[in-house]
Amino acid sequence: MIGPELKFKDQVVIVTGSSSGIGKACAIHFANQGAHVVVNYSSNAEEGQNTLDEILSNGGSGILVKADVSREEEVLAMFRETINKFGKLDVLVSNAGLQKDSPFLEMTLQQWQKVIDVNLTGMFLTCRAAARQFVSQVENATEPSHSELSIGKIILMSSVHDVIPWAGHVNYAASKGGIMMFMKSISQELAPHKIRVNSVSPGAIKTPINKEVWSDPNKYNDLLNLIPYKRIGTPQDVAKAVAWLASDDSDYVNGETLYIDGGMTLYPEFADNG
């Protein structure tokens, strides 16, 4: 249910890839904080509708928009639909991503390209559209704003594999490593416009994409060996961090990556002197 502290009351938030997993949790969390949420999906309309239905049943507000973030015309159409419906944009959570795993020696160009197209080019297309919208809102405002706060917030969904190499997943790891420098570079460029850009890098999170691991007791125990905090994360863990980065509470945080990983990036193999 919508909570009493509506930090995002009447703000408009696009969450790409919000038909399941972390994106779904983010969309619902923002809606519960009073935001109008654009639920985006690429292929599974039923799952996208399920996210929107949960938002609406909790008293929230939102719309469902189909768009493949790797396709420029579909991204632009999603932003037009958002503005036509709500009149503005306040937050972009660029979350959509996928895996196409393969040993490097066997990886096809198609497997490589698909992951780069969605995970990295999708970030470029959605972030560019959001930044242009934020700037145009200020330029077209009837009254100048005297607030020192950000005019718009962008949060990119990365992964601990922006710093942890991952054999058998080189396309995915390369895309996430690319997100880090993309985020920092556009943050540097957009900061003078008062647009804040940050990213979150989740570790092991209990989502459908890795159900094979957390649903198998043996694999789950092996996974816990990589997590000093000794629990797997939840989509809500990530959603709360994303919301903090999108809120005015973090207004002086810019160009940063927040790791939501229970300590996975702490090299746990060295806990006993290596």
Protein backbone atom coordinates (compact mmCIF):
# COMPACT_ATOMS: atom_id res chain seq x y z
CA MET A 1 0.00 0.00 0.00
CA ILE A 2 1.04 3.60 -0.56
CA GLY A 3 2.93 4.76 2.51
CA PRO A 4 2.45 7.95 4.53
CA GLU A 5 5.84 9.39 3.48
CA LEU A 6 5.39 10.11 -0.22
CA LYS A 7 8.90 11.13 -1.23
CA PHE A 8 7.98 10.91 -4.91
CA LYS A 9 4.47 12.32 -4.77
CA ASP A 10 3.35 13.28 -8.30
CA GLN A 11 6.81 12.68 -9.75
CA VAL A 12 6.99 10.77 -13.03
CA VAL A 13 9.35 7.80 -13.15
CA ILE A 14 10.26 5.56 -16.09
CA VAL A 15 11.61 2.14 -15.12
CA THR A 16 12.83 0.17 -18.12
CA GLY A 17 12.64 -3.60 -17.98
CA SER A 18 10.12 -3.47 -15.15
CA SER A 19 8.05 -6.52 -16.04
CA SER A 20 9.99 -8.71 -13.59
CA GLY A 21 12.85 -8.92 -11.11
CA ILE A 22 14.65 -5.81 -9.93
CA GLY A 23 12.84 -3.53 -12.38
CA LYS A 24 9.46 -4.69 -11.13
CA ALA A 25 10.47 -4.10 -7.52
CA CYS A 26 11.69 -0.59 -8.41
CA ALA A 27 8.47 0.28 -10.23
CA ILE A 28 6.29 -0.87 -7.33
CA HIS A 29 8.48 0.87 -4.74
CA PHE A 30 8.32 4.22 -6.56
CA ALA A 31 4.55 3.88 -7.00
CA ASN A 32 4.15 3.16 -3.29
CA GLN A 33 5.99 6.43 -2.67
CA GLY A 34 3.46 8.39 -4.72
CA ALA A 35 5.08 8.40 -8.17
CA HIS A 36 3.38 7.98 -11.52
CA VAL A 37 5.31 5.03 -12.95
CA VAL A 38 5.88 4.04 -16.55
CA VAL A 39 6.17 0.25 -16.54
CA ASN A 40 8.23 -0.82 -19.54
CA TYR A 41 8.52 -4.26 -21.09
CA SER A 42 10.08 -5.56 -24.30
CA SER A 43 8.31 -8.84 -25.08
CA ASN A 44 6.27 -10.20 -22.16
CA ALA A 45 3.10 -8.12 -22.03
CA GLU A 46 1.51 -10.38 -19.42
CA GLU A 47 4.33 -9.87 -16.93
CA GLY A 48 4.33 -6.15 -17.61
CA GLN A 49 0.61 -6.02 -16.96
CA ASN A 50 1.12 -7.94 -13.72
CA THR A 51 3.51 -5.23 -12.51
CA LEU A 52 1.04 -2.49 -13.42
CA ASP A 53 -1.86 -4.37 -11.84
CA GLU A 54 0.06 -4.65 -8.57
CA ILE A 55 0.76 -0.91 -8.65
CA LEU A 56 -2.89 -0.06 -9.31
CA SER A 57 -4.20 -2.50 -6.71
CA ASN A 58 -2.05 -0.75 -4.11
CA GLY A 59 -3.60 2.59 -5.01
CA GLY A 60 -0.73 3.70 -7.21
CA SER A 61 -0.61 5.30 -10.63
CA GLY A 62 1.06 4.09 -13.80
CA ILE A 63 0.92 3.08 -17.44
CA LEU A 64 2.32 0.15 -19.40
CA VAL A 65 4.55 0.83 -22.43
CA LYS A 66 6.15 -1.68 -24.77
CA ALA A 67 9.61 -0.71 -25.99
CA ASP A 68 12.84 -2.49 -26.90
CA VAL A 69 15.47 -0.17 -25.40
CA SER A 70 18.00 -1.13 -28.08
CA ARG A 71 15.78 0.40 -30.78
CA GLU A 72 15.91 4.19 -31.00
CA GLU A 73 12.45 4.69 -32.47
CA GLU A 74 10.83 2.60 -29.72
CA VAL A 75 12.67 4.48 -26.97
CA LEU A 76 11.61 7.83 -28.39
CA ALA A 77 8.01 6.60 -28.68
CA MET A 78 8.06 5.53 -25.01
CA PHE A 79 9.20 8.98 -23.92
CA ARG A 80 6.57 10.68 -26.11
CA GLU A 81 3.87 8.50 -24.57
CA THR A 82 5.14 9.35 -21.09
CA ILE A 83 5.05 13.10 -21.72
CA ASN A 84 1.68 12.92 -23.47
CA LYS A 85 0.23 11.13 -20.45
CA PHE A 86 1.92 12.87 -17.52
CA GLY A 87 3.37 16.06 -19.00
CA LYS A 88 6.87 15.70 -17.57
CA LEU A 89 9.62 13.36 -16.40
CA ASP A 90 11.48 13.42 -13.08
CA VAL A 91 13.38 10.13 -12.84
CA LEU A 92 14.74 7.51 -15.24
CA VAL A 93 15.73 4.10 -13.92
CA SER A 94 17.57 2.56 -16.87
CA ASN A 95 17.30 -1.04 -15.75
CA ALA A 96 16.64 -3.22 -18.80
CA GLY A 97 19.30 -5.86 -19.37
CA LEU A 98 19.85 -9.47 -20.32
CA GLN A 99 22.38 -12.29 -20.51
CA LYS A 100 23.39 -14.51 -23.43
CA ASP A 101 25.97 -16.76 -21.79
CA SER A 102 28.60 -18.72 -23.68
CA PRO A 103 32.23 -19.79 -23.36
CA PHE A 104 34.31 -17.14 -25.12
CA LEU A 105 35.71 -19.54 -27.71
CA GLU A 106 32.18 -20.48 -28.71
CA MET A 107 30.48 -17.10 -28.39
CA THR A 108 28.78 -15.92 -31.55
CA LEU A 109 28.70 -12.38 -32.81
CA GLN A 110 24.93 -12.44 -32.34
CA GLN A 111 25.31 -13.36 -28.64
CA TRP A 112 27.85 -10.59 -28.17
CA GLN A 113 25.90 -7.98 -30.09
CA LYS A 114 22.52 -8.65 -28.48
CA VAL A 115 23.87 -8.11 -24.97
CA ILE A 116 25.78 -4.97 -25.95
CA ASP A 117 22.76 -3.61 -27.82
CA VAL A 118 20.38 -3.98 -24.87
CA ASN A 119 22.69 -3.53 -21.88
CA LEU A 120 24.85 -0.69 -23.18
CA THR A 121 23.28 0.91 -26.24
CA GLY A 122 19.93 0.77 -24.41
CA MET A 123 21.48 2.84 -21.64
CA PHE A 124 22.72 5.41 -24.17
CA LEU A 125 19.33 5.75 -25.87
CA THR A 126 17.24 6.00 -22.71
CA CYS A 127 19.63 8.29 -20.83
CA ARG A 128 19.99 10.63 -23.81
CA ALA A 129 16.22 10.87 -24.16
CA ALA A 130 15.78 11.54 -20.43
CA ALA A 131 18.51 14.19 -20.31
CA ARG A 132 17.06 16.00 -23.32
CA GLN A 133 13.63 15.94 -21.66
CA PHE A 134 14.99 17.34 -18.37
CA VAL A 135 16.72 20.21 -20.18
CA SER A 136 13.68 21.00 -22.32
CA GLN A 137 11.46 21.13 -19.24
CA VAL A 138 13.63 23.87 -17.76
CA GLU A 139 13.88 25.76 -21.05
CA ASN A 140 10.11 25.67 -21.54
CA ALA A 141 9.15 26.43 -17.93
CA THR A 142 6.83 29.40 -17.54
CA GLU A 143 8.55 30.44 -14.33
CA PRO A 144 12.27 30.05 -13.56
CA SER A 145 13.15 27.72 -10.73
CA HIS A 146 15.30 29.02 -7.90
CA SER A 147 15.83 25.60 -6.36
CA GLU A 148 19.36 24.31 -5.90
CA LEU A 149 18.10 20.75 -6.28
CA SER A 150 18.52 18.54 -9.34
CA ILE A 151 16.20 19.05 -12.29
CA GLY A 152 16.25 15.34 -13.08
CA LYS A 153 17.72 12.07 -11.87
CA ILE A 154 19.08 9.10 -13.81
CA ILE A 155 19.96 5.78 -12.18
CA LEU A 156 21.64 3.08 -14.25
CA MET A 157 21.44 -0.60 -13.35
CA SER A 158 24.89 -2.15 -13.48
CA SER A 159 26.30 -5.21 -11.68
CA VAL A 160 29.19 -6.27 -9.47
CA HIS A 161 30.56 -7.57 -12.77
CA ASP A 162 31.50 -4.03 -13.68
CA VAL A 163 34.57 -4.80 -11.52
CA ILE A 164 34.51 -8.62 -11.07
CA PRO A 165 35.60 -10.55 -14.19
CA TRP A 166 33.20 -13.34 -15.17
CA ALA A 167 34.43 -16.13 -17.42
CA GLY A 168 31.71 -17.51 -19.64
CA HIS A 169 29.88 -14.19 -19.51
CA VAL A 170 32.30 -11.83 -21.25
CA ASN A 171 29.58 -10.03 -23.19
CA TYR A 172 27.64 -9.30 -20.00
CA ALA A 173 30.72 -8.27 -18.00
CA ALA A 174 31.93 -6.03 -20.83
CA SER A 175 28.54 -4.33 -21.03
CA LYS A 176 28.50 -3.68 -17.29
CA GLY A 177 32.07 -2.40 -17.27
CA GLY A 178 31.05 -0.08 -20.09
CA ILE A 179 28.12 1.19 -18.06
CA MET A 180 30.48 2.41 -15.35
CA MET A 181 32.47 4.69 -17.67
CA PHE A 182 29.34 5.70 -19.56
CA MET A 183 27.69 6.72 -16.29
CA LYS A 184 30.71 8.66 -15.04
CA SER A 185 31.22 10.43 -18.36
CA ILE A 186 27.64 11.60 -18.79
CA SER A 187 27.49 12.52 -15.11
CA GLN A 188 30.47 14.80 -15.62
CA GLU A 189 28.86 16.32 -18.71
CA LEU A 190 25.32 16.69 -17.36
CA ALA A 191 26.15 17.94 -13.86
CA PRO A 192 26.29 21.60 -14.96
CA HIS A 193 22.70 21.17 -16.13
CA LYS A 194 21.79 20.03 -12.59
CA ILE A 195 21.06 16.50 -13.82
CA ARG A 196 22.31 13.81 -11.43
CA VAL A 197 23.50 10.46 -12.80
CA ASN A 198 24.45 7.48 -10.64
CA SER A 199 24.39 3.71 -10.88
CA VAL A 200 23.76 0.73 -8.65
CA SER A 201 25.64 -2.54 -8.94
CA PRO A 202 23.76 -5.48 -7.44
CA GLY A 203 25.45 -8.72 -6.48
CA ALA A 204 23.54 -11.99 -6.09
CA ILE A 205 19.86 -11.04 -6.07
CA LYS A 206 16.96 -13.47 -5.86
CA THR A 207 15.35 -12.93 -9.26
CA PRO A 208 14.00 -15.26 -11.97
CA ILE A 209 17.18 -14.81 -14.04
CA ASN A 210 19.25 -16.79 -11.50
CA LYS A 211 16.57 -19.08 -10.06
CA GLU A 212 18.63 -22.11 -11.10
CA VAL A 213 21.22 -21.12 -8.50
CA TRP A 214 19.18 -20.01 -5.49
CA SER A 215 16.60 -22.79 -5.83
CA ASP A 216 19.29 -25.52 -5.66
CA PRO A 217 20.50 -26.02 -2.03
CA ASN A 218 24.01 -27.03 -3.08
CA LYS A 219 24.45 -24.16 -5.51
CA TYR A 220 22.91 -21.77 -3.00
CA ASN A 221 25.44 -22.77 -0.32
CA ASP A 222 28.28 -22.35 -2.82
CA LEU A 223 26.95 -18.90 -3.65
CA LEU A 224 26.90 -17.90 0.02
CA ASN A 225 30.65 -18.55 0.14
CA LEU A 226 31.01 -15.53 -2.14
CA ILE A 227 28.91 -13.28 0.09
CA PRO A 228 30.44 -12.20 3.43
CA TYR A 229 27.01 -11.08 4.69
CA LYS A 230 25.78 -14.68 4.18
CA ARG A 231 22.46 -13.97 2.54
CA ILE A 232 21.30 -13.47 -1.00
CA GLY A 233 19.83 -10.08 -1.78
CA THR A 234 16.24 -9.32 -2.68
CA PRO A 235 14.89 -7.05 -5.43
CA GLN A 236 13.57 -4.81 -2.66
CA ASP A 237 17.12 -4.31 -1.35
CA VAL A 238 18.02 -2.84 -4.72
CA ALA A 239 14.79 -0.88 -5.15
CA LYS A 240 15.31 0.97 -1.87
CA ALA A 241 18.84 1.95 -2.89
CA VAL A 242 17.64 3.14 -6.29
CA ALA A 243 14.93 5.24 -4.67
CA TRP A 244 17.46 6.84 -2.33
CA LEU A 245 19.65 7.84 -5.27
CA ALA A 246 16.58 9.28 -7.00
CA SER A 247 15.51 11.27 -3.94
CA ASP A 248 16.56 14.70 -2.75
CA ASP A 249 18.20 12.98 0.23
CA SER A 250 21.12 12.16 -2.07
CA ASP A 251 21.21 15.46 -3.95
CA TYR A 252 24.98 15.88 -3.54
CA VAL A 253 25.70 12.35 -4.78
CA ASN A 254 26.70 12.40 -8.42
CA GLY A 255 28.68 10.05 -10.66
CA GLU A 256 28.81 7.29 -8.05
CA THR A 257 28.25 3.55 -8.12
CA LEU A 258 26.50 2.04 -5.11
CA TYR A 259 27.24 -1.67 -4.64
CA ILE A 260 24.31 -3.68 -3.27
CA ASP A 261 26.11 -6.97 -2.84
CA GLY A 262 26.42 -8.07 0.79
CA GLY A 263 30.17 -7.60 0.44
CA MET A 264 30.71 -9.73 -2.68
CA THR A 265 33.25 -7.22 -4.01
CA LEU A 266 35.37 -7.58 -0.84
CA TYR A 267 37.35 -10.55 -2.22
CA PRO A 268 35.94 -13.03 0.35
CA GLU A 269 38.50 -15.65 -0.74
CA PHE A 270 41.06 -13.60 1.19
CA ALA A 271 39.09 -13.60 4.46
CA ASP A 272 41.44 -16.29 5.83
CA ASN A 273 44.66 -14.71 4.54
CA GLY A 274 44.09 -15.94 1.01
